[in-house]
């Protein structure tokens, strides 16, 4: 819930500007979600996404993306230090 409120407070103020800039004629709702670094999805996020009827495959895609991003971060930290010493 904390992530949701934080994201809404950041992005809600710009929704109308973006709708105008890109000529969007539909409602946009900001929904803050949290996916853990190991691909874990909280019950809050899962329930929120189910309420907006996202397919289960989206959950897996989100989790996979989180894990891939974490692996890239780890790789960067492990090898960028080594490369800077050469």
Protein backbone atom coordinates (compact mmCIF):
# COMPACT_ATOMS: atom_id res chain seq x y z
CA UNK A 1 0.00 0.00 0.00
CA UNK A 2 2.90 2.35 0.76
CA UNK A 3 4.32 1.98 -2.76
CA UNK A 4 0.89 2.57 -4.26
CA UNK A 5 0.42 5.84 -2.35
CA UNK A 6 3.96 6.99 -3.15
CA UNK A 7 3.57 6.40 -6.90
CA UNK A 8 0.14 8.04 -6.97
CA UNK A 9 1.52 11.15 -5.27
CA UNK A 10 4.35 11.36 -7.84
CA UNK A 11 2.51 10.52 -11.07
CA UNK A 12 -1.12 11.61 -10.55
CA UNK A 13 -0.24 15.30 -11.01
CA UNK A 14 1.18 14.68 -14.52
CA UNK A 15 -1.59 12.45 -15.90
CA UNK A 16 -3.65 15.30 -17.36
CA UNK A 17 -0.57 16.87 -18.99
CA UNK A 18 0.37 13.56 -20.60
CA UNK A 19 -3.18 12.98 -21.82
CA UNK A 20 -3.15 16.40 -23.41
CA UNK A 21 0.35 16.11 -24.87
CA UNK A 22 -0.27 12.70 -26.47
CA UNK A 23 -3.98 13.32 -27.25
CA UNK A 24 -5.19 10.40 -25.13
CA UNK A 25 -8.96 10.13 -24.81
CA UNK A 26 -9.27 7.60 -22.01
CA UNK A 27 -8.97 7.50 -18.24
CA UNK A 28 -5.58 6.77 -16.74
CA UNK A 29 -5.23 5.51 -13.20
CA UNK A 30 -1.84 5.38 -11.51
CA UNK A 31 -1.32 2.12 -9.64
CA UNK A 32 1.84 1.60 -7.62
CA UNK A 33 3.03 -1.99 -7.59
CA UNK A 34 5.94 -3.70 -5.89
CA UNK A 35 7.91 -6.63 -7.29
CA UNK A 36 10.79 -7.98 -5.24
CA UNK A 37 14.33 -8.34 -6.57
CA UNK A 38 13.92 -12.13 -6.64
CA UNK A 39 10.68 -11.88 -8.56
CA UNK A 40 8.38 -12.08 -5.58
CA UNK A 41 5.02 -10.38 -5.96
CA UNK A 42 3.22 -9.35 -2.78
CA UNK A 43 -0.36 -10.39 -2.09
CA UNK A 44 -1.34 -6.72 -2.29
CA UNK A 45 0.13 -6.37 -5.80
CA UNK A 46 -1.27 -9.71 -6.95
CA UNK A 47 -4.77 -8.82 -5.75
CA UNK A 48 -4.54 -5.37 -7.29
CA UNK A 49 -3.53 -6.78 -10.68
CA UNK A 50 -6.23 -9.45 -10.52
CA UNK A 51 -8.83 -6.76 -9.83
CA UNK A 52 -7.91 -5.08 -13.13
CA UNK A 53 -8.14 -8.43 -14.93
CA UNK A 54 -4.53 -8.83 -16.02
CA UNK A 55 -3.75 -12.34 -17.27
CA UNK A 56 -1.64 -14.59 -15.06
CA UNK A 57 1.09 -14.54 -17.72
CA UNK A 58 1.67 -10.86 -16.88
CA UNK A 59 2.61 -11.86 -13.32
CA UNK A 60 5.21 -14.26 -14.65
CA UNK A 61 6.57 -11.67 -17.08
CA UNK A 62 6.88 -9.13 -14.27
CA UNK A 63 8.62 -11.59 -11.98
CA UNK A 64 11.00 -12.69 -14.73
CA UNK A 65 11.85 -9.08 -15.57
CA UNK A 66 12.62 -8.36 -11.91
CA UNK A 67 14.96 -11.34 -11.67
CA UNK A 68 16.72 -10.42 -14.92
CA UNK A 69 17.19 -6.84 -13.73
CA UNK A 70 18.63 -8.06 -10.44
CA UNK A 71 21.06 -10.35 -12.28
CA UNK A 72 22.22 -7.45 -14.48
CA UNK A 73 22.79 -5.32 -11.38
CA UNK A 74 24.78 -8.06 -9.70
CA UNK A 75 26.83 -8.65 -12.85
CA UNK A 76 27.57 -4.92 -13.12
CA UNK A 77 28.72 -4.72 -9.52
CA UNK A 78 30.83 -7.85 -9.73
CA UNK A 79 32.60 -7.09 -12.99
CA UNK A 80 32.71 -3.31 -13.21
CA UNK A 81 35.02 -3.10 -10.21
CA UNK A 82 37.31 -5.72 -11.72
CA UNK A 83 37.41 -3.92 -15.07
CA UNK A 84 38.25 -0.58 -13.45
CA UNK A 85 41.42 -2.01 -11.95
CA UNK A 86 42.96 -2.86 -15.35
